């Protein structure tokens, strides 16, 4: 079992917080003595604080800079898919 204390600031990771969870991409934004501020990426970005002692079931991968750049292009392209407004037909 891992914890958030192992993760480095400004790095992107593929993790499973619990064994039954799906794989999640996270980024550690900054840290305090006892907590880290985390961005979780899905259809939208969720920002949250986690204790450094909070468990992580598995850290699958630390993404290198090239993989992060590739992912950012795909993520930004897909944001438009979820952010649309319905037009009135009046």
PDB file of N, CA and C in Angstrom:
ATOM      1  N   UNK A   1       0.853  -1.177   0.000  1.00  0.00           N
ATOM      2  CA  UNK A   1       0.000   0.000   0.000  1.00  0.00           C
ATOM      3  C   UNK A   1       0.897   1.237   0.000  1.00  0.00           C
ATOM      4  N   UNK A   2       0.544   2.199  -0.833  1.00  0.00           N
ATOM      5  CA  UNK A   2       1.295   3.441  -0.956  1.00  0.00           C
ATOM      6  C   UNK A   2       0.529   4.574  -0.280  1.00  0.00           C
ATOM      7  N   UNK A   3       1.130   5.766  -0.273  1.00  0.00           N
ATOM      8  CA  UNK A   3       0.435   6.943   0.255  1.00  0.00           C
ATOM      9  C   UNK A   3       0.799   8.159  -0.600  1.00  0.00           C
ATOM     10  N   UNK A   4       0.053   9.236  -0.395  1.00  0.00           N
ATOM     11  CA  UNK A   4       0.300  10.471  -1.136  1.00  0.00           C
ATOM     12  C   UNK A   4       1.659  11.082  -0.803  1.00  0.00           C
ATOM     13  N   UNK A   5       2.231  10.721   0.335  1.00  0.00           N
ATOM     14  CA  UNK A   5       3.537  11.250   0.731  1.00  0.00           C
ATOM     15  C   UNK A   5       4.631  10.870  -0.263  1.00  0.00           C
ATOM     16  N   UNK A   6       4.437   9.800  -1.006  1.00  0.00           N
ATOM     17  CA  UNK A   6       5.439   9.339  -1.979  1.00  0.00           C
ATOM     18  C   UNK A   6       5.439  10.144  -3.273  1.00  0.00           C
ATOM     19  N   UNK A   7       4.372  10.888  -3.523  1.00  0.00           N
ATOM     20  CA  UNK A   7       4.215  11.572  -4.810  1.00  0.00           C
ATOM     21  C   UNK A   7       4.884  12.942  -4.793  1.00  0.00           C
ATOM     22  N   UNK A   8       5.497  13.291  -5.907  1.00  0.00           N
ATOM     23  CA  UNK A   8       6.246  14.536  -6.008  1.00  0.00           C
ATOM     24  C   UNK A   8       5.411  15.652  -6.622  1.00  0.00           C
ATOM     25  N   UNK A   9       5.669  16.860  -6.147  1.00  0.00           N
ATOM     26  CA  UNK A   9       4.971  18.054  -6.619  1.00  0.00           C
ATOM     27  C   UNK A   9       5.232  18.271  -8.113  1.00  0.00           C
ATOM     28  N   UNK A  10       4.200  18.723  -8.817  1.00  0.00           N
ATOM     29  CA  UNK A  10       4.222  19.033 -10.258  1.00  0.00           C
ATOM     30  C   UNK A  10       4.406  17.805 -11.136  1.00  0.00           C
ATOM     31  N   UNK A  11       4.127  16.638 -10.611  1.00  0.00           N
ATOM     32  CA  UNK A  11       4.222  15.402 -11.391  1.00  0.00           C
ATOM     33  C   UNK A  11       2.836  14.803 -11.595  1.00  0.00           C
ATOM     34  N   UNK A  12       2.686  14.119 -12.732  1.00  0.00           N
ATOM     35  CA  UNK A  12       1.445  13.440 -13.090  1.00  0.00           C
ATOM     36  C   UNK A  12       1.624  11.939 -12.871  1.00  0.00           C
ATOM     37  N   UNK A  13       0.596  11.320 -12.282  1.00  0.00           N
ATOM     38  CA  UNK A  13       0.639   9.893 -11.981  1.00  0.00           C
ATOM     39  C   UNK A  13      -0.653   9.215 -12.411  1.00  0.00           C
ATOM     40  N   UNK A  14      -0.538   7.965 -12.827  1.00  0.00           N
ATOM     41  CA  UNK A  14      -1.700   7.100 -12.998  1.00  0.00           C
ATOM     42  C   UNK A  14      -1.778   6.261 -11.731  1.00  0.00           C
ATOM     43  N   UNK A  15      -2.925   6.347 -11.038  1.00  0.00           N
ATOM     44  CA  UNK A  15      -3.074   5.665  -9.756  1.00  0.00           C
ATOM     45  C   UNK A  15      -4.424   4.969  -9.655  1.00  0.00           C
ATOM     46  N   UNK A  16      -4.499   4.054  -8.713  1.00  0.00           N
ATOM     47  CA  UNK A  16      -5.755   3.474  -8.248  1.00  0.00           C
ATOM     48  C   UNK A  16      -5.783   3.708  -6.746  1.00  0.00           C
ATOM     49  N   UNK A  17      -6.729   4.521  -6.283  1.00  0.00           N
ATOM     50  CA  UNK A  17      -6.785   4.808  -4.852  1.00  0.00           C
ATOM     51  C   UNK A  17      -7.256   3.594  -4.060  1.00  0.00           C
ATOM     52  N   UNK A  18      -8.190   2.870  -4.624  1.00  0.00           N
ATOM     53  CA  UNK A  18      -8.685   1.631  -4.005  1.00  0.00           C
ATOM     54  C   UNK A  18      -8.606   0.526  -5.043  1.00  0.00           C
ATOM     55  N   UNK A  19      -8.546  -0.697  -4.592  1.00  0.00           N
ATOM     56  CA  UNK A  19      -8.378  -1.826  -5.508  1.00  0.00           C
ATOM     57  C   UNK A  19      -9.479  -1.880  -6.565  1.00  0.00           C
ATOM     58  N   UNK A  20     -10.715  -1.562  -6.168  1.00  0.00           N
ATOM     59  CA  UNK A  20     -11.846  -1.656  -7.099  1.00  0.00           C
ATOM     60  C   UNK A  20     -12.025  -0.417  -7.963  1.00  0.00           C
ATOM     61  N   UNK A  21     -11.255   0.642  -7.727  1.00  0.00           N
ATOM     62  CA  UNK A  21     -11.363   1.883  -8.500  1.00  0.00           C
ATOM     63  C   UNK A  21     -10.811   1.717  -9.912  1.00  0.00           C
ATOM     64  N   UNK A  22     -11.266   2.611 -10.795  1.00  0.00           N
ATOM     65  CA  UNK A  22     -10.665   2.687 -12.120  1.00  0.00           C
ATOM     66  C   UNK A  22      -9.358   3.474 -12.017  1.00  0.00           C
ATOM     67  N   UNK A  23      -8.574   3.429 -13.044  1.00  0.00           N
ATOM     68  CA  UNK A  23      -7.307   4.169 -13.074  1.00  0.00           C
ATOM     69  C   UNK A  23      -7.620   5.657 -13.229  1.00  0.00           C
ATOM     70  N   UNK A  24      -6.932   6.481 -12.452  1.00  0.00           N
ATOM     71  CA  UNK A  24      -7.146   7.918 -12.452  1.00  0.00           C
ATOM     72  C   UNK A  24      -5.824   8.634 -12.690  1.00  0.00           C
ATOM     73  N   UNK A  25      -5.884   9.689 -13.490  1.00  0.00           N
ATOM     74  CA  UNK A  25      -4.715  10.532 -13.684  1.00  0.00           C
ATOM     75  C   UNK A  25      -4.791  11.665 -12.669  1.00  0.00           C
ATOM     76  N   UNK A  26      -3.709  11.853 -11.917  1.00  0.00           N
ATOM     77  CA  UNK A  26      -3.658  12.925 -10.936  1.00  0.00           C
ATOM     78  C   UNK A  26      -2.370  13.729 -11.097  1.00  0.00           C
ATOM     79  N   UNK A  27      -2.410  14.948 -10.592  1.00  0.00           N
ATOM     80  CA  UNK A  27      -1.215  15.796 -10.540  1.00  0.00           C
ATOM     81  C   UNK A  27      -1.131  16.376  -9.136  1.00  0.00           C
ATOM     82  N   UNK A  28       0.060  16.355  -8.560  1.00  0.00           N
ATOM     83  CA  UNK A  28       0.280  16.969  -7.263  1.00  0.00           C
ATOM     84  C   UNK A  28       0.646  18.433  -7.518  1.00  0.00           C
ATOM     85  N   UNK A  29      -0.205  19.348  -7.082  1.00  0.00           N
ATOM     86  CA  UNK A  29      -0.011  20.771  -7.347  1.00  0.00           C
ATOM     87  C   UNK A  29       0.950  21.430  -6.357  1.00  0.00           C
ATOM     88  N   UNK A  30       0.727  21.200  -5.081  1.00  0.00           N
ATOM     89  CA  UNK A  30       1.633  21.694  -4.050  1.00  0.00           C
ATOM     90  C   UNK A  30       1.380  20.934  -2.766  1.00  0.00           C
ATOM     91  N   UNK A  31       2.269  21.155  -1.787  1.00  0.00           N
ATOM     92  CA  UNK A  31       2.156  20.393  -0.549  1.00  0.00           C
ATOM     93  C   UNK A  31       2.425  21.267   0.669  1.00  0.00           C
ATOM     94  N   UNK A  32       1.879  20.823   1.783  1.00  0.00           N
ATOM     95  CA  UNK A  32       2.166  21.431   3.078  1.00  0.00           C
ATOM     96  C   UNK A  32       2.890  20.365   3.901  1.00  0.00           C
ATOM     97  N   UNK A  33       3.065  20.619   5.168  1.00  0.00           N
ATOM     98  CA  UNK A  33       3.740  19.625   6.010  1.00  0.00           C
ATOM     99  C   UNK A  33       2.956  18.320   6.106  1.00  0.00           C
ATOM    100  N   UNK A  34       1.612  18.405   6.075  1.00  0.00           N
ATOM    101  CA  UNK A  34       0.817  17.195   6.266  1.00  0.00           C
ATOM    102  C   UNK A  34      -0.138  16.854   5.123  1.00  0.00           C
ATOM    103  N   UNK A  35      -0.264  17.741   4.129  1.00  0.00           N
ATOM    104  CA  UNK A  35      -1.245  17.513   3.057  1.00  0.00           C
ATOM    105  C   UNK A  35      -0.659  17.819   1.681  1.00  0.00           C
ATOM    106  N   UNK A  36      -1.369  17.333   0.665  1.00  0.00           N
ATOM    107  CA  UNK A  36      -1.051  17.674  -0.722  1.00  0.00           C
ATOM    108  C   UNK A  36      -2.327  18.161  -1.401  1.00  0.00           C
ATOM    109  N   UNK A  37      -2.165  19.070  -2.355  1.00  0.00           N
ATOM    110  CA  UNK A  37      -3.283  19.550  -3.161  1.00  0.00           C
ATOM    111  C   UNK A  37      -3.202  18.807  -4.489  1.00  0.00           C
ATOM    112  N   UNK A  38      -4.303  18.136  -4.847  1.00  0.00           N
ATOM    113  CA  UNK A  38      -4.315  17.212  -5.977  1.00  0.00           C
ATOM    114  C   UNK A  38      -5.333  17.646  -7.021  1.00  0.00           C
ATOM    115  N   UNK A  39      -4.936  17.563  -8.296  1.00  0.00           N
ATOM    116  CA  UNK A  39      -5.879  17.669  -9.413  1.00  0.00           C
ATOM    117  C   UNK A  39      -6.153  16.257  -9.904  1.00  0.00           C
ATOM    118  N   UNK A  40      -7.450  15.915 -10.016  1.00  0.00           N
ATOM    119  CA  UNK A  40      -7.855  14.621 -10.572  1.00  0.00           C
ATOM    120  C   UNK A  40      -8.551  14.900 -11.895  1.00  0.00           C
ATOM    121  N   UNK A  41      -8.128  14.188 -12.918  1.00  0.00           N
ATOM    122  CA  UNK A  41      -8.633  14.447 -14.261  1.00  0.00           C
ATOM    123  C   UNK A  41      -9.582  13.345 -14.704  1.00  0.00           C
ATOM    124  N   UNK A  42     -10.763  13.773 -15.112  1.00  0.00           N
ATOM    125  CA  UNK A  42     -11.778  12.898 -15.680  1.00  0.00           C
ATOM    126  C   UNK A  42     -12.465  13.732 -16.748  1.00  0.00           C
ATOM    127  N   UNK A  43     -13.767  13.680 -16.853  1.00  0.00           N
ATOM    128  CA  UNK A  43     -14.469  14.550 -17.790  1.00  0.00           C
ATOM    129  C   UNK A  43     -14.259  16.007 -17.408  1.00  0.00           C
ATOM    130  N   UNK A  44     -14.099  16.268 -16.127  1.00  0.00           N
ATOM    131  CA  UNK A  44     -13.755  17.587 -15.616  1.00  0.00           C
ATOM    132  C   UNK A  44     -12.586  17.417 -14.649  1.00  0.00           C
ATOM    133  N   UNK A  45     -12.030  18.512 -14.215  1.00  0.00           N
ATOM    134  CA  UNK A  45     -10.928  18.463 -13.265  1.00  0.00           C
ATOM    135  C   UNK A  45     -11.473  18.693 -11.860  1.00  0.00           C
ATOM    136  N   UNK A  46     -11.118  17.816 -10.954  1.00  0.00           N
ATOM    137  CA  UNK A  46     -11.505  17.933  -9.556  1.00  0.00           C
ATOM    138  C   UNK A  46     -10.270  18.310  -8.757  1.00  0.00           C
ATOM    139  N   UNK A  47     -10.375  19.374  -7.964  1.00  0.00           N
ATOM    140  CA  UNK A  47      -9.279  19.806  -7.107  1.00  0.00           C
ATOM    141  C   UNK A  47      -9.619  19.436  -5.673  1.00  0.00           C
ATOM    142  N   UNK A  48      -8.666  18.814  -4.971  1.00  0.00           N
ATOM    143  CA  UNK A  48      -8.941  18.429  -3.594  1.00  0.00           C
ATOM    144  C   UNK A  48      -7.661  18.346  -2.773  1.00  0.00           C
ATOM    145  N   UNK A  49      -7.833  18.446  -1.476  1.00  0.00           N
ATOM    146  CA  UNK A  49      -6.738  18.244  -0.534  1.00  0.00           C
ATOM    147  C   UNK A  49      -6.769  16.804  -0.053  1.00  0.00           C
ATOM    148  N   UNK A  50      -5.595  16.209   0.081  1.00  0.00           N
ATOM    149  CA  UNK A  50      -5.472  14.859   0.643  1.00  0.00           C
ATOM    150  C   UNK A  50      -4.375  14.871   1.694  1.00  0.00           C
ATOM    151  N   UNK A  51      -4.555  14.091   2.753  1.00  0.00           N
ATOM    152  CA  UNK A  51      -3.496  13.921   3.737  1.00  0.00           C
ATOM    153  C   UNK A  51      -2.371  13.124   3.102  1.00  0.00           C
ATOM    154  N   UNK A  52      -1.150  13.449   3.450  1.00  0.00           N
ATOM    155  CA  UNK A  52      -0.029  12.684   2.923  1.00  0.00           C
ATOM    156  C   UNK A  52      -0.122  11.220   3.335  1.00  0.00           C
ATOM    157  N   UNK A  53      -0.739  10.955   4.470  1.00  0.00           N
ATOM    158  CA  UNK A  53      -0.870   9.582   4.965  1.00  0.00           C
ATOM    159  C   UNK A  53      -2.015   8.810   4.308  1.00  0.00           C
ATOM    160  N   UNK A  54      -2.892   9.486   3.531  1.00  0.00           N
ATOM    161  CA  UNK A  54      -4.004   8.791   2.870  1.00  0.00           C
ATOM    162  C   UNK A  54      -3.468   7.706   1.946  1.00  0.00           C
ATOM    163  N   UNK A  55      -4.096   6.531   1.981  1.00  0.00           N
ATOM    164  CA  UNK A  55      -3.576   5.411   1.193  1.00  0.00           C
ATOM    165  C   UNK A  55      -3.890   5.512  -0.301  1.00  0.00           C
ATOM    166  N   UNK A  56      -2.998   4.949  -1.080  1.00  0.00           N
ATOM    167  CA  UNK A  56      -3.186   4.736  -2.517  1.00  0.00           C
ATOM    168  C   UNK A  56      -2.930   3.260  -2.746  1.00  0.00           C
ATOM    169  N   UNK A  57      -3.883   2.573  -3.339  1.00  0.00           N
ATOM    170  CA  UNK A  57      -3.728   1.141  -3.561  1.00  0.00           C
ATOM    171  C   UNK A  57      -2.549   0.838  -4.475  1.00  0.00           C
ATOM    172  N   UNK A  58      -2.446   1.589  -5.596  1.00  0.00           N
ATOM    173  CA  UNK A  58      -1.361   1.318  -6.542  1.00  0.00           C
ATOM    174  C   UNK A  58      -0.983   2.591  -7.291  1.00  0.00           C
ATOM    175  N   UNK A  59       0.301   2.821  -7.424  1.00  0.00           N
ATOM    176  CA  UNK A  59       0.833   3.867  -8.291  1.00  0.00           C
ATOM    177  C   UNK A  59       1.320   3.146  -9.537  1.00  0.00           C
ATOM    178  N   UNK A  60       0.564   3.262 -10.612  1.00  0.00           N
ATOM    179  CA  UNK A  60       0.866   2.501 -11.819  1.00  0.00           C
ATOM    180  C   UNK A  60       2.018   3.091 -12.618  1.00  0.00           C
ATOM    181  N   UNK A  61       2.049   4.441 -12.666  1.00  0.00           N
ATOM    182  CA  UNK A  61       3.057   5.050 -13.531  1.00  0.00           C
ATOM    183  C   UNK A  61       3.216   6.529 -13.216  1.00  0.00           C
ATOM    184  N   UNK A  62       4.450   6.995 -13.314  1.00  0.00           N
ATOM    185  CA  UNK A  62       4.769   8.419 -13.312  1.00  0.00           C
ATOM    186  C   UNK A  62       4.925   8.798 -14.773  1.00  0.00           C
ATOM    187  N   UNK A  63       4.115   9.749 -15.248  1.00  0.00           N
ATOM    188  CA  UNK A  63       4.181  10.129 -16.660  1.00  0.00           C
ATOM    189  C   UNK A  63       5.361  11.042 -16.917  1.00  0.00           C
ATOM    190  N   UNK A  64       6.103  10.761 -17.979  1.00  0.00           N
ATOM    191  CA  UNK A  64       7.204  11.647 -18.353  1.00  0.00           C
ATOM    192  C   UNK A  64       6.640  12.855 -19.099  1.00  0.00           C
ATOM    193  N   UNK A  65       7.469  13.855 -19.322  1.00  0.00           N
ATOM    194  CA  UNK A  65       7.019  15.111 -19.929  1.00  0.00           C
ATOM    195  C   UNK A  65       6.383  14.915 -21.300  1.00  0.00           C
ATOM    196  N   UNK A  66       6.925  14.015 -22.118  1.00  0.00           N
ATOM    197  CA  UNK A  66       6.357  13.780 -23.450  1.00  0.00           C
ATOM    198  C   UNK A  66       4.950  13.204 -23.365  1.00  0.00           C
ATOM    199  N   UNK A  67       4.742  12.269 -22.441  1.00  0.00           N
ATOM    200  CA  UNK A  67       3.410  11.672 -22.273  1.00  0.00           C
ATOM    201  C   UNK A  67       2.415  12.702 -21.751  1.00  0.00           C
ATOM    202  N   UNK A  68       2.860  13.578 -20.855  1.00  0.00           N
ATOM    203  CA  UNK A  68       1.983  14.629 -20.342  1.00  0.00           C
ATOM    204  C   UNK A  68       1.556  15.550 -21.472  1.00  0.00           C
ATOM    205  N   UNK A  69       2.484  15.937 -22.331  1.00  0.00           N
ATOM    206  CA  UNK A  69       2.153  16.812 -23.467  1.00  0.00           C
ATOM    207  C   UNK A  69       1.157  16.139 -24.403  1.00  0.00           C
ATOM    208  N   UNK A  70       1.361  14.851 -24.689  1.00  0.00           N
ATOM    209  CA  UNK A  70       0.420  14.108 -25.539  1.00  0.00           C
ATOM    210  C   UNK A  70      -0.968  14.075 -24.903  1.00  0.00           C
ATOM    211  N   UNK A  71      -1.010  13.778 -23.615  1.00  0.00           N
ATOM    212  CA  UNK A  71      -2.286  13.707 -22.910  1.00  0.00           C
ATOM    213  C   UNK A  71      -2.978  15.068 -22.899  1.00  0.00           C
ATOM    214  N   UNK A  72      -2.232  16.153 -22.674  1.00  0.00           N
ATOM    215  CA  UNK A  72      -2.832  17.483 -22.625  1.00  0.00           C
ATOM    216  C   UNK A  72      -3.534  17.840 -23.930  1.00  0.00           C
ATOM    217  N   UNK A  73      -2.973  17.466 -25.047  1.00  0.00           N
ATOM    218  CA  UNK A  73      -3.601  17.727 -26.337  1.00  0.00           C
ATOM    219  C   UNK A  73      -4.927  16.978 -26.432  1.00  0.00           C
ATOM    220  N   UNK A  74      -4.923  15.723 -26.062  1.00  0.00           N
ATOM    221  CA  UNK A  74      -6.149  14.910 -26.119  1.00  0.00           C
ATOM    222  C   UNK A  74      -7.185  15.440 -25.139  1.00  0.00           C
ATOM    223  N   UNK A  75      -6.765  15.757 -23.928  1.00  0.00           N
ATOM    224  CA  UNK A  75      -7.687  16.247 -22.898  1.00  0.00           C
ATOM    225  C   UNK A  75      -8.331  17.563 -23.321  1.00  0.00           C
ATOM    226  N   UNK A  76      -7.538  18.492 -23.824  1.00  0.00           N
ATOM    227  CA  UNK A  76      -8.080  19.786 -24.256  1.00  0.00           C
ATOM    228  C   UNK A  76      -9.032  19.621 -25.433  1.00  0.00           C
ATOM    229  N   UNK A  77      -8.720  18.712 -26.357  1.00  0.00           N
ATOM    230  CA  UNK A  77      -9.609  18.451 -27.484  1.00  0.00           C
ATOM    231  C   UNK A  77     -10.943  17.879 -27.007  1.00  0.00           C
ATOM    232  N   UNK A  78     -10.899  17.014 -25.998  1.00  0.00           N
ATOM    233  CA  UNK A  78     -12.117  16.372 -25.502  1.00  0.00           C
ATOM    234  C   UNK A  78     -12.941  17.270 -24.594  1.00  0.00           C
ATOM    235  N   UNK A  79     -12.367  18.323 -24.056  1.00  0.00           N
ATOM    236  CA  UNK A  79     -13.141  19.229 -23.205  1.00  0.00           C
ATOM    237  C   UNK A  79     -14.313  19.828 -23.963  1.00  0.00           C
ATOM    238  N   UNK A  80     -14.131  20.133 -25.224  1.00  0.00           N
ATOM    239  CA  UNK A  80     -15.213  20.682 -26.032  1.00  0.00           C
ATOM    240  C   UNK A  80     -16.376  19.728 -26.186  1.00  0.00           C
ATOM    241  N   UNK A  81     -16.123  18.447 -26.079  1.00  0.00           N
ATOM    242  CA  UNK A  81     -17.170  17.438 -26.182  1.00  0.00           C
ATOM    243  C   UNK A  81     -18.159  17.561 -25.042  1.00  0.00           C
ATOM    244  N   UNK A  82     -17.675  17.923 -23.860  1.00  0.00           N
ATOM    245  CA  UNK A  82     -18.528  17.979 -22.672  1.00  0.00           C
ATOM    246  C   UNK A  82     -19.035  19.379 -22.365  1.00  0.00           C
ATOM    247  N   UNK A  83     -18.450  20.397 -22.963  1.00  0.00           N
ATOM    248  CA  UNK A  83     -18.821  21.775 -22.665  1.00  0.00           C
ATOM    249  C   UNK A  83     -19.569  22.398 -23.843  1.00  0.00           C
ATOM    250  N   UNK A  84     -20.773  21.987 -24.025  1.00  0.00           N
ATOM    251  CA  UNK A  84     -21.566  22.571 -25.090  1.00  0.00           C
ATOM    252  C   UNK A  84     -22.866  23.115 -24.499  1.00  0.00           C
ATOM    253  N   UNK A  85     -23.433  24.105 -25.166  1.00  0.00           N
ATOM    254  CA  UNK A  85     -24.687  24.685 -24.719  1.00  0.00           C
ATOM    255  C   UNK A  85     -25.745  24.400 -25.757  1.00  0.00           C
ATOM    256  N   UNK A  86     -26.941  24.130 -25.256  1.00  0.00           N
ATOM    257  CA  UNK A  86     -28.067  23.917 -26.165  1.00  0.00           C
ATOM    258  C   UNK A  86     -28.548  25.258 -26.687  1.00  0.00           C
ATOM    259  N   UNK A  87     -28.856  25.302 -27.960  1.00  0.00           N
ATOM    260  CA  UNK A  87     -29.384  26.517 -28.547  1.00  0.00           C
ATOM    261  C   UNK A  87     -30.892  26.484 -28.545  1.00  0.00           C
ATOM    262  N   UNK A  88     -31.485  27.653 -28.287  1.00  0.00           N
ATOM    263  CA  UNK A  88     -32.948  27.758 -28.351  1.00  0.00           C
ATOM    264  C   UNK A  88     -33.361  27.891 -29.812  1.00  0.00           C
ATOM    265  N   UNK A  89     -34.449  27.238 -30.162  1.00  0.00           N
ATOM    266  CA  UNK A  89     -34.960  27.281 -31.531  1.00  0.00           C
ATOM    267  C   UNK A  89     -36.099  28.287 -31.654  1.00  0.00           C
ATOM    268  N   UNK A  90     -36.105  29.341 -30.842  1.00  0.00           N
ATOM    269  CA  UNK A  90     -37.181  30.340 -30.884  1.00  0.00           C
ATOM    270  C   UNK A  90     -37.078  31.216 -32.091  1.00  0.00           C
TER     271      UNK A  90
END
